[in-house]
Amino acid sequence: MRPVLRALLTAPLLLLALPIPAGQVHSEDVQLSELVEMAMAIAVVRPATPATVDREITVNKWFRSYEPFRYAADRLVVKEILHDPGKRLEVGRTIEVAPGDLAEQYAGHVVYVVDDVIESPIVMSYRGSFDASDATSERIALLRFGSFQGSPIAAYSVSGAVEGMERRAEIEALIRAIPR
């Protein structure tokens, strides 16, 4: 086979075999009813001062250090508890809340800095009515609790798990409908 013809036939196959960088996050939208059902706690909150705190996690693999993973956590003051069967919240207490997709962000960062591969994760997200530009107003936060990197953590149930106060009655009705 002629070299030019061979190159024309094999080039598309080589392109398929190469990793193609992608940088988009694909989100799978969650409905409010699903979000209320999956939340471990739901509270009326307001931003604390300062409203966010920057966190950094070291990345070490194979006895080598890489660029640390950085994220901003929201600092929120609990004004009222709407749902908290695990009794993790306390009125008046300031809590630090990580992004709902923190684990996916961290995993993507590690793969990128260690393996130089860009992934396109699929994350669950919520698009509610809360206007994020109103940084001082009260809002309803839908939370989960667990651990991350060996430390206890509070996080939004999914990315964007915040709702405006105008939907409070609807959320309370959904809480009452949760099977016990």
N, C-alpha and C. Protein backbone atom coordinates (compact mmCIF):
# COMPACT_ATOMS: atom_id res chain seq x y z
N MET A 1 0.85 -1.17 0.00
CA MET A 1 0.00 0.00 0.00
C MET A 1 0.90 1.24 0.00
N ARG A 2 0.50 2.22 -0.75
CA ARG A 2 1.28 3.45 -0.87
C ARG A 2 1.28 4.21 0.46
N PRO A 3 2.38 4.85 0.82
CA PRO A 3 2.47 5.59 2.10
C PRO A 3 1.42 6.67 2.25
N VAL A 4 1.10 7.39 1.18
CA VAL A 4 0.10 8.46 1.27
C VAL A 4 -1.26 7.86 1.56
N LEU A 5 -1.61 6.78 0.88
CA LEU A 5 -2.88 6.12 1.10
C LEU A 5 -2.96 5.54 2.51
N ARG A 6 -1.87 4.94 2.97
CA ARG A 6 -1.81 4.39 4.32
C ARG A 6 -2.02 5.49 5.35
N ALA A 7 -1.38 6.64 5.15
CA ALA A 7 -1.53 7.76 6.08
C ALA A 7 -2.96 8.26 6.10
N LEU A 8 -3.59 8.35 4.94
CA LEU A 8 -4.97 8.81 4.88
C LEU A 8 -5.92 7.84 5.58
N LEU A 9 -5.63 6.56 5.51
CA LEU A 9 -6.49 5.56 6.14
C LEU A 9 -6.25 5.44 7.64
N THR A 10 -5.02 5.61 8.09
CA THR A 10 -4.71 5.41 9.50
C THR A 10 -4.87 6.67 10.34
N ALA A 11 -4.80 7.86 9.74
CA ALA A 11 -4.90 9.10 10.51
C ALA A 11 -6.20 9.19 11.31
N PRO A 12 -7.36 8.89 10.71
CA PRO A 12 -8.59 8.95 11.52
C PRO A 12 -8.57 7.97 12.69
N LEU A 13 -7.97 6.79 12.50
CA LEU A 13 -7.90 5.81 13.59
C LEU A 13 -7.01 6.32 14.72
N LEU A 14 -5.92 6.98 14.38
CA LEU A 14 -5.05 7.54 15.41
C LEU A 14 -5.76 8.63 16.18
N LEU A 15 -6.53 9.45 15.51
CA LEU A 15 -7.27 10.51 16.20
C LEU A 15 -8.27 9.93 17.19
N LEU A 16 -8.89 8.82 16.83
CA LEU A 16 -9.83 8.17 17.75
C LEU A 16 -9.13 7.63 18.99
N ALA A 17 -7.87 7.20 18.82
CA ALA A 17 -7.15 6.60 19.94
C ALA A 17 -6.57 7.64 20.89
N LEU A 18 -6.40 8.87 20.44
CA LEU A 18 -5.82 9.90 21.29
C LEU A 18 -6.85 10.44 22.26
N PRO A 19 -6.43 10.76 23.49
CA PRO A 19 -7.39 11.37 24.41
C PRO A 19 -7.73 12.78 23.93
N ILE A 20 -8.99 13.07 23.86
CA ILE A 20 -9.43 14.39 23.41
C ILE A 20 -9.78 15.20 24.64
N PRO A 21 -9.07 16.29 24.85
CA PRO A 21 -9.38 17.08 26.03
C PRO A 21 -10.76 17.71 25.92
N ALA A 22 -11.44 17.71 27.02
CA ALA A 22 -12.74 18.36 27.10
C ALA A 22 -12.75 19.14 28.40
N GLY A 23 -13.45 20.19 28.46
CA GLY A 23 -13.43 20.97 29.67
C GLY A 23 -14.80 21.37 30.15
N GLN A 24 -15.80 20.70 29.67
CA GLN A 24 -17.14 21.09 30.04
C GLN A 24 -17.69 20.18 31.12
N VAL A 25 -18.42 20.80 32.02
CA VAL A 25 -19.13 20.04 33.04
C VAL A 25 -20.55 19.86 32.53
N HIS A 26 -20.99 18.63 32.51
CA HIS A 26 -22.36 18.34 32.08
C HIS A 26 -23.19 18.15 33.32
N SER A 27 -24.31 18.86 33.38
CA SER A 27 -25.13 18.74 34.59
C SER A 27 -26.43 18.02 34.29
N GLU A 28 -26.84 17.27 35.26
CA GLU A 28 -28.12 16.57 35.22
C GLU A 28 -29.01 17.27 36.24
N ASP A 29 -30.03 17.94 35.76
CA ASP A 29 -30.87 18.76 36.63
C ASP A 29 -31.74 17.91 37.56
N VAL A 30 -31.84 18.37 38.79
CA VAL A 30 -32.65 17.73 39.82
C VAL A 30 -33.86 18.64 40.07
N GLN A 31 -35.02 18.06 40.25
CA GLN A 31 -36.23 18.81 40.56
C GLN A 31 -36.26 19.12 42.06
N LEU A 32 -37.02 20.13 42.45
CA LEU A 32 -37.11 20.52 43.86
C LEU A 32 -37.59 19.37 44.72
N SER A 33 -38.56 18.61 44.27
CA SER A 33 -39.08 17.48 45.07
C SER A 33 -37.99 16.44 45.34
N GLU A 34 -37.15 16.16 44.33
CA GLU A 34 -36.05 15.22 44.50
C GLU A 34 -35.01 15.79 45.46
N LEU A 35 -34.74 17.07 45.32
CA LEU A 35 -33.74 17.73 46.15
C LEU A 35 -34.14 17.71 47.62
N VAL A 36 -35.40 18.00 47.90
CA VAL A 36 -35.89 17.98 49.29
C VAL A 36 -35.78 16.56 49.85
N GLU A 37 -36.11 15.58 49.05
CA GLU A 37 -36.05 14.20 49.52
C GLU A 37 -34.62 13.74 49.80
N MET A 38 -33.66 14.21 49.01
CA MET A 38 -32.28 13.75 49.20
C MET A 38 -31.51 14.57 50.25
N ALA A 39 -32.01 15.74 50.62
CA ALA A 39 -31.31 16.59 51.59
C ALA A 39 -31.33 15.97 52.98
N MET A 40 -30.20 16.00 53.66
CA MET A 40 -30.10 15.52 55.04
C MET A 40 -30.56 16.58 56.02
N ALA A 41 -30.50 17.84 55.60
CA ALA A 41 -30.96 18.95 56.43
C ALA A 41 -31.35 20.10 55.52
N ILE A 42 -32.35 20.86 55.97
CA ILE A 42 -32.81 22.03 55.22
C ILE A 42 -32.96 23.16 56.23
N ALA A 43 -32.37 24.31 55.92
CA ALA A 43 -32.38 25.42 56.87
C ALA A 43 -32.49 26.75 56.17
N VAL A 44 -33.10 27.70 56.88
CA VAL A 44 -33.07 29.09 56.45
C VAL A 44 -31.74 29.64 56.96
N VAL A 45 -30.98 30.23 56.05
CA VAL A 45 -29.64 30.71 56.39
C VAL A 45 -29.43 32.12 55.83
N ARG A 46 -28.41 32.78 56.35
CA ARG A 46 -27.95 34.05 55.78
C ARG A 46 -26.43 33.98 55.75
N PRO A 47 -25.80 34.75 54.87
CA PRO A 47 -24.35 34.72 54.80
C PRO A 47 -23.71 35.27 56.08
N ALA A 48 -22.63 34.65 56.49
CA ALA A 48 -21.84 35.14 57.63
C ALA A 48 -20.84 36.17 57.10
N THR A 49 -20.07 36.74 57.99
CA THR A 49 -19.02 37.66 57.61
C THR A 49 -17.68 37.05 58.02
N PRO A 50 -16.78 36.79 57.12
CA PRO A 50 -16.89 36.88 55.67
C PRO A 50 -17.82 35.78 55.14
N ALA A 51 -18.35 35.99 53.93
CA ALA A 51 -19.35 35.08 53.35
C ALA A 51 -18.74 33.79 52.82
N THR A 52 -17.45 33.83 52.48
CA THR A 52 -16.79 32.62 51.99
C THR A 52 -15.42 32.48 52.65
N VAL A 53 -14.90 31.28 52.57
CA VAL A 53 -13.55 31.01 53.04
C VAL A 53 -12.88 30.13 51.99
N ASP A 54 -11.62 30.44 51.69
CA ASP A 54 -10.88 29.65 50.71
C ASP A 54 -10.23 28.47 51.40
N ARG A 55 -10.36 27.31 50.78
CA ARG A 55 -9.77 26.07 51.31
C ARG A 55 -8.79 25.52 50.29
N GLU A 56 -7.80 24.79 50.78
CA GLU A 56 -6.78 24.21 49.92
C GLU A 56 -6.47 22.80 50.41
N ILE A 57 -6.40 21.88 49.47
CA ILE A 57 -6.09 20.48 49.79
C ILE A 57 -4.84 20.10 49.00
N THR A 58 -3.84 19.59 49.69
CA THR A 58 -2.62 19.18 49.00
C THR A 58 -2.88 17.94 48.15
N VAL A 59 -2.17 17.85 47.06
CA VAL A 59 -2.28 16.70 46.17
C VAL A 59 -0.91 16.05 46.10
N ASN A 60 -0.81 14.85 46.64
CA ASN A 60 0.42 14.07 46.61
C ASN A 60 0.12 12.71 46.02
N LYS A 61 0.95 12.29 45.07
CA LYS A 61 0.77 10.98 44.47
C LYS A 61 2.13 10.48 44.03
N TRP A 62 2.40 9.23 44.30
CA TRP A 62 3.66 8.60 43.94
C TRP A 62 4.85 9.41 44.46
N PHE A 63 4.79 9.79 45.71
CA PHE A 63 5.86 10.51 46.40
C PHE A 63 6.20 11.84 45.76
N ARG A 64 5.22 12.44 45.11
CA ARG A 64 5.43 13.73 44.45
C ARG A 64 4.27 14.66 44.81
N SER A 65 4.58 15.93 44.98
CA SER A 65 3.54 16.93 45.27
C SER A 65 3.14 17.64 43.98
N TYR A 66 1.85 17.92 43.88
CA TYR A 66 1.30 18.61 42.72
C TYR A 66 0.61 19.88 43.17
N GLU A 67 0.13 20.65 42.21
CA GLU A 67 -0.60 21.87 42.51
C GLU A 67 -1.79 21.54 43.43
N PRO A 68 -1.93 22.25 44.52
CA PRO A 68 -3.03 21.95 45.44
C PRO A 68 -4.39 22.25 44.83
N PHE A 69 -5.40 21.58 45.33
CA PHE A 69 -6.77 21.81 44.92
C PHE A 69 -7.35 22.91 45.79
N ARG A 70 -7.95 23.90 45.16
CA ARG A 70 -8.52 25.03 45.90
C ARG A 70 -10.01 25.16 45.61
N TYR A 71 -10.75 25.50 46.65
CA TYR A 71 -12.18 25.76 46.46
C TYR A 71 -12.63 26.77 47.51
N ALA A 72 -13.77 27.40 47.25
CA ALA A 72 -14.35 28.35 48.20
C ALA A 72 -15.57 27.69 48.84
N ALA A 73 -15.63 27.76 50.15
CA ALA A 73 -16.78 27.26 50.90
C ALA A 73 -17.60 28.45 51.38
N ASP A 74 -18.91 28.30 51.37
CA ASP A 74 -19.79 29.35 51.88
C ASP A 74 -19.84 29.27 53.40
N ARG A 75 -19.85 30.43 54.05
CA ARG A 75 -20.04 30.50 55.50
C ARG A 75 -21.46 31.04 55.71
N LEU A 76 -22.29 30.24 56.37
CA LEU A 76 -23.70 30.57 56.55
C LEU A 76 -24.10 30.52 58.01
N VAL A 77 -24.94 31.45 58.42
CA VAL A 77 -25.49 31.46 59.77
C VAL A 77 -26.87 30.81 59.70
N VAL A 78 -27.09 29.80 60.53
CA VAL A 78 -28.38 29.10 60.56
C VAL A 78 -29.38 29.98 61.31
N LYS A 79 -30.43 30.41 60.60
CA LYS A 79 -31.47 31.25 61.20
C LYS A 79 -32.63 30.40 61.72
N GLU A 80 -32.96 29.34 60.97
CA GLU A 80 -34.10 28.49 61.34
C GLU A 80 -33.90 27.12 60.69
N ILE A 81 -34.26 26.09 61.41
CA ILE A 81 -34.12 24.73 60.90
C ILE A 81 -35.49 24.24 60.43
N LEU A 82 -35.58 23.87 59.17
CA LEU A 82 -36.83 23.36 58.62
C LEU A 82 -36.91 21.84 58.66
N HIS A 83 -35.75 21.20 58.53
CA HIS A 83 -35.69 19.73 58.51
C HIS A 83 -34.27 19.32 58.89
N ASP A 84 -34.13 18.53 59.94
CA ASP A 84 -32.81 18.06 60.37
C ASP A 84 -32.97 16.84 61.27
N PRO A 85 -33.37 15.70 60.70
CA PRO A 85 -33.57 14.51 61.53
C PRO A 85 -32.30 14.04 62.23
N GLY A 86 -31.13 14.35 61.68
CA GLY A 86 -29.86 13.95 62.29
C GLY A 86 -29.37 14.90 63.36
N LYS A 87 -30.10 15.98 63.61
CA LYS A 87 -29.76 16.98 64.64
C LYS A 87 -28.32 17.49 64.48
N ARG A 88 -27.97 17.87 63.26
CA ARG A 88 -26.61 18.36 62.99
C ARG A 88 -26.51 19.88 63.02
N LEU A 89 -27.66 20.54 62.90
CA LEU A 89 -27.65 22.01 62.85
C LEU A 89 -28.08 22.61 64.17
N GLU A 90 -27.67 23.86 64.37
CA GLU A 90 -28.04 24.59 65.58
C GLU A 90 -28.31 26.05 65.18
N VAL A 91 -29.46 26.56 65.59
CA VAL A 91 -29.83 27.94 65.27
C VAL A 91 -28.78 28.89 65.86
N GLY A 92 -28.36 29.87 65.05
CA GLY A 92 -27.36 30.85 65.47
C GLY A 92 -25.94 30.44 65.16
N ARG A 93 -25.72 29.18 64.86
CA ARG A 93 -24.37 28.69 64.59
C ARG A 93 -23.96 28.98 63.14
N THR A 94 -22.70 29.31 62.94
CA THR A 94 -22.15 29.50 61.60
C THR A 94 -21.60 28.18 61.11
N ILE A 95 -22.01 27.80 59.90
CA ILE A 95 -21.53 26.56 59.31
C ILE A 95 -20.77 26.87 58.02
N GLU A 96 -19.85 26.01 57.69
CA GLU A 96 -19.09 26.12 56.46
C GLU A 96 -19.65 25.07 55.50
N VAL A 97 -20.06 25.50 54.31
CA VAL A 97 -20.72 24.61 53.36
C VAL A 97 -19.91 24.55 52.06
N ALA A 98 -19.50 23.34 51.73
CA ALA A 98 -18.71 23.11 50.52
C ALA A 98 -19.63 23.02 49.29
N PRO A 99 -19.07 23.18 48.10
CA PRO A 99 -19.88 23.02 46.89
C PRO A 99 -20.46 21.60 46.81
N GLY A 100 -21.61 21.49 46.18
CA GLY A 100 -22.27 20.19 46.05
C GLY A 100 -21.51 19.21 45.18
N ASP A 101 -20.67 19.72 44.29
CA ASP A 101 -19.89 18.85 43.40
C ASP A 101 -18.40 18.83 43.79
N LEU A 102 -18.13 18.99 45.07
CA LEU A 102 -16.75 19.06 45.55
C LEU A 102 -15.94 17.81 45.18
N ALA A 103 -16.49 16.63 45.37
CA ALA A 103 -15.76 15.40 45.08
C ALA A 103 -15.41 15.32 43.59
N GLU A 104 -16.34 15.72 42.73
CA GLU A 104 -16.08 15.68 41.29
C GLU A 104 -15.02 16.71 40.91
N GLN A 105 -15.09 17.91 41.51
CA GLN A 105 -14.09 18.94 41.24
C GLN A 105 -12.70 18.46 41.65
N TYR A 106 -12.62 17.87 42.84
CA TYR A 106 -11.34 17.38 43.34
C TYR A 106 -10.78 16.27 42.44
N ALA A 107 -11.62 15.31 42.09
CA ALA A 107 -11.18 14.20 41.25
C ALA A 107 -10.70 14.71 39.89
N GLY A 108 -11.43 15.67 39.31
CA GLY A 108 -11.02 16.25 38.04
C GLY A 108 -9.69 16.98 38.14
N HIS A 109 -9.49 17.69 39.25
CA HIS A 109 -8.23 18.40 39.46
C HIS A 109 -7.07 17.42 39.57
N VAL A 110 -7.25 16.35 40.33
CA VAL A 110 -6.18 15.36 40.51
C VAL A 110 -5.84 14.71 39.18
N VAL A 111 -6.83 14.30 38.42
CA VAL A 111 -6.57 13.68 37.11
C VAL A 111 -5.83 14.66 36.20
N TYR A 112 -6.21 15.94 36.27
CA TYR A 112 -5.57 16.93 35.42
C TYR A 112 -4.12 17.17 35.83
N VAL A 113 -3.85 17.42 37.11
CA VAL A 113 -2.48 17.75 37.51
C VAL A 113 -1.56 16.54 37.52
N VAL A 114 -2.10 15.35 37.78
CA VAL A 114 -1.25 14.15 37.83
C VAL A 114 -1.09 13.53 36.44
N ASP A 115 -2.20 13.36 35.73
CA ASP A 115 -2.16 12.65 34.45
C ASP A 115 -2.25 13.56 33.23
N ASP A 116 -2.44 14.87 33.45
CA ASP A 116 -2.57 15.84 32.37
C ASP A 116 -3.73 15.50 31.43
N VAL A 117 -4.84 15.08 32.03
CA VAL A 117 -6.04 14.74 31.28
C VAL A 117 -7.17 15.63 31.79
N ILE A 118 -7.93 16.17 30.87
CA ILE A 118 -9.09 16.98 31.25
C ILE A 118 -10.33 16.12 31.08
N GLU A 119 -11.10 16.00 32.14
CA GLU A 119 -12.32 15.20 32.09
C GLU A 119 -13.54 16.09 32.01
N SER A 120 -14.62 15.53 31.55
CA SER A 120 -15.91 16.23 31.50
C SER A 120 -16.87 15.49 32.42
N PRO A 121 -16.92 15.88 33.69
CA PRO A 121 -17.77 15.15 34.61
C PRO A 121 -19.26 15.45 34.39
N ILE A 122 -20.07 14.52 34.84
CA ILE A 122 -21.51 14.74 34.87
C ILE A 122 -21.88 14.92 36.32
N VAL A 123 -22.43 16.08 36.66
CA VAL A 123 -22.79 16.37 38.04
C VAL A 123 -24.27 16.68 38.15
N MET A 124 -24.83 16.34 39.28
CA MET A 124 -26.22 16.68 39.54
C MET A 124 -26.25 18.13 40.01
N SER A 125 -27.22 18.88 39.50
CA SER A 125 -27.31 20.28 39.89
C SER A 125 -28.77 20.70 39.99
N TYR A 126 -28.97 21.82 40.69
CA TYR A 126 -30.30 22.37 40.87
C TYR A 126 -30.30 23.83 40.41
N ARG A 127 -31.30 24.19 39.67
CA ARG A 127 -31.45 25.57 39.21
C ARG A 127 -32.74 26.11 39.79
N GLY A 128 -32.61 26.79 40.91
CA GLY A 128 -33.78 27.30 41.61
C GLY A 128 -34.04 28.76 41.31
N SER A 129 -34.88 29.36 42.12
CA SER A 129 -35.29 30.74 41.91
C SER A 129 -34.43 31.75 42.68
N PHE A 130 -33.51 31.27 43.53
CA PHE A 130 -32.71 32.18 44.33
C PHE A 130 -31.80 33.02 43.45
N ASP A 131 -31.81 34.31 43.67
CA ASP A 131 -30.98 35.25 42.92
C ASP A 131 -29.64 35.39 43.65
N ALA A 132 -28.61 34.76 43.12
CA ALA A 132 -27.29 34.75 43.76
C ALA A 132 -26.66 36.13 43.83
N SER A 133 -27.15 37.08 43.05
CA SER A 133 -26.57 38.42 43.11
C SER A 133 -26.97 39.16 44.38
N ASP A 134 -28.01 38.68 45.06
CA ASP A 134 -28.43 39.28 46.33
C ASP A 134 -27.67 38.57 47.46
N ALA A 135 -26.45 38.96 47.65
CA ALA A 135 -25.52 38.26 48.55
C ALA A 135 -25.88 38.35 50.03
N THR A 136 -26.73 39.28 50.42
CA THR A 136 -27.00 39.47 51.85
C THR A 136 -28.32 38.85 52.31
N SER A 137 -29.12 38.38 51.40
CA SER A 137 -30.47 37.95 51.77
C SER A 137 -30.51 36.54 52.36
N GLU A 138 -31.58 36.29 53.07
CA GLU A 138 -31.83 34.94 53.58
C GLU A 138 -32.21 34.04 52.42
N ARG A 139 -31.91 32.77 52.60
CA ARG A 139 -32.20 31.77 51.58
C ARG A 139 -32.40 30.43 52.26
N ILE A 140 -32.85 29.47 51.53
CA ILE A 140 -33.03 28.12 52.06
C ILE A 140 -31.93 27.24 51.47
N ALA A 141 -31.13 26.65 52.35
CA ALA A 141 -30.03 25.78 51.92
C ALA A 141 -30.42 24.34 52.15
N LEU A 142 -30.19 23.50 51.16
CA LEU A 142 -30.48 22.07 51.23
C LEU A 142 -29.14 21.37 51.31
N LEU A 143 -28.88 20.72 52.43
CA LEU A 143 -27.54 20.25 52.78
C LEU A 143 -27.42 18.74 52.90
N ARG A 144 -26.18 18.29 52.83
CA ARG A 144 -25.83 16.90 53.16
C ARG A 144 -24.57 16.94 54.02
N PHE A 145 -24.33 15.85 54.72
CA PHE A 145 -23.17 15.76 55.60
C PHE A 145 -22.42 14.48 55.30
N GLY A 146 -21.14 14.49 55.53
CA GLY A 146 -20.33 13.31 55.28
C GLY A 146 -18.89 13.61 55.62
N SER A 147 -17.99 12.97 54.90
CA SER A 147 -16.57 13.25 55.10
C SER A 147 -15.91 13.43 53.74
N PHE A 148 -14.87 14.22 53.75
CA PHE A 148 -14.09 14.45 52.53
C PHE A 148 -12.63 14.51 52.94
N GLN A 149 -11.83 13.69 52.31
CA GLN A 149 -10.41 13.62 52.63
C GLN A 149 -10.19 13.36 54.12
N GLY A 150 -11.05 12.54 54.72
CA GLY A 150 -10.90 12.14 56.11
C GLY A 150 -11.43 13.12 57.14
N SER A 151 -12.03 14.22 56.71
CA SER A 151 -12.57 15.20 57.65
C SER A 151 -14.08 15.33 57.46
N PRO A 152 -14.80 15.58 58.55
CA PRO A 152 -16.25 15.78 58.41
C PRO A 152 -16.52 17.05 57.62
N ILE A 153 -17.61 17.03 56.85
CA ILE A 153 -17.90 18.17 55.99
C ILE A 153 -19.41 18.32 55.80
N ALA A 154 -19.82 19.58 55.67
CA ALA A 154 -21.19 19.90 55.25
C ALA A 154 -21.07 20.43 53.83
N ALA A 155 -22.00 20.03 52.98
CA ALA A 155 -21.99 20.47 51.59
C ALA A 155 -23.42 20.65 51.12
N TYR A 156 -23.59 21.40 50.05
CA TYR A 156 -24.91 21.47 49.43
C TYR A 156 -25.25 20.07 48.92
N SER A 157 -26.52 19.72 48.95
CA SER A 157 -26.93 18.38 48.50
C SER A 157 -26.47 18.11 47.08
N VAL A 158 -26.61 19.09 46.21
CA VAL A 158 -26.08 19.05 44.85
C VAL A 158 -25.61 20.46 44.53
N SER A 159 -24.95 20.62 43.42
CA SER A 159 -24.51 21.95 43.02
C SER A 159 -25.73 22.86 42.86
N GLY A 160 -25.69 24.04 43.51
CA GLY A 160 -26.78 25.00 43.40
C GLY A 160 -27.97 24.73 44.29
N ALA A 161 -27.81 23.93 45.33
CA ALA A 161 -28.95 23.53 46.19
C ALA A 161 -29.34 24.63 47.17
N VAL A 162 -29.77 25.75 46.61
CA VAL A 162 -30.22 26.90 47.38
C VAL A 162 -31.52 27.38 46.73
N GLU A 163 -32.45 27.78 47.56
CA GLU A 163 -33.72 28.25 47.03
C GLU A 163 -34.10 29.55 47.70
N GLY A 164 -34.89 30.35 47.01
CA GLY A 164 -35.34 31.62 47.55
C GLY A 164 -36.44 31.43 48.59
N MET A 165 -36.59 32.41 49.44
CA MET A 165 -37.59 32.35 50.53
C MET A 165 -39.02 32.27 50.00
N GLU A 166 -39.26 32.75 48.79
CA GLU A 166 -40.61 32.71 48.24
C GLU A 166 -41.12 31.28 48.01
N ARG A 167 -40.22 30.30 48.04
CA ARG A 167 -40.63 28.91 47.84
C ARG A 167 -40.68 28.13 49.15
N ARG A 168 -40.63 28.84 50.27
CA ARG A 168 -40.60 28.18 51.58
C ARG A 168 -41.82 27.29 51.81
N ALA A 169 -43.02 27.78 51.55
CA ALA A 169 -44.24 26.99 51.78
C ALA A 169 -44.22 25.70 50.95
N GLU A 170 -43.76 25.79 49.72
CA GLU A 170 -43.66 24.61 48.86
C GLU A 170 -42.66 23.60 49.43
N ILE A 171 -41.52 24.11 49.90
CA ILE A 171 -40.50 23.23 50.49
C ILE A 171 -41.03 22.57 51.75
N GLU A 172 -41.70 23.33 52.60
CA GLU A 172 -42.27 22.75 53.84
C GLU A 172 -43.30 21.66 53.51
N ALA A 173 -44.09 21.86 52.48
CA ALA A 173 -45.06 20.83 52.07
C ALA A 173 -44.33 19.58 51.57
N LEU A 174 -43.26 19.77 50.84
CA LEU A 174 -42.47 18.62 50.37
C LEU A 174 -41.79 17.89 51.53
N ILE A 175 -41.36 18.63 52.55
CA ILE A 175 -40.76 18.00 53.74
C ILE A 175 -41.81 17.13 54.44
N ARG A 176 -43.01 17.65 54.59
CA ARG A 176 -44.08 16.87 55.25
C ARG A 176 -44.42 15.62 54.47
N ALA A 177 -44.21 15.62 53.16
CA ALA A 177 -44.53 14.46 52.31
C ALA A 177 -43.43 13.40 52.29
N ILE A 178 -42.28 13.68 52.91
CA ILE A 178 -41.18 12.70 52.93
C ILE A 178 -41.62 11.50 53.76
N PRO A 179 -41.51 10.27 53.19
CA PRO A 179 -41.88 9.07 53.97
C PRO A 179 -40.98 8.93 55.19
N ARG A 180 -41.57 8.60 56.30
CA ARG A 180 -40.81 8.44 57.54
C ARG A 180 -40.53 6.99 57.79
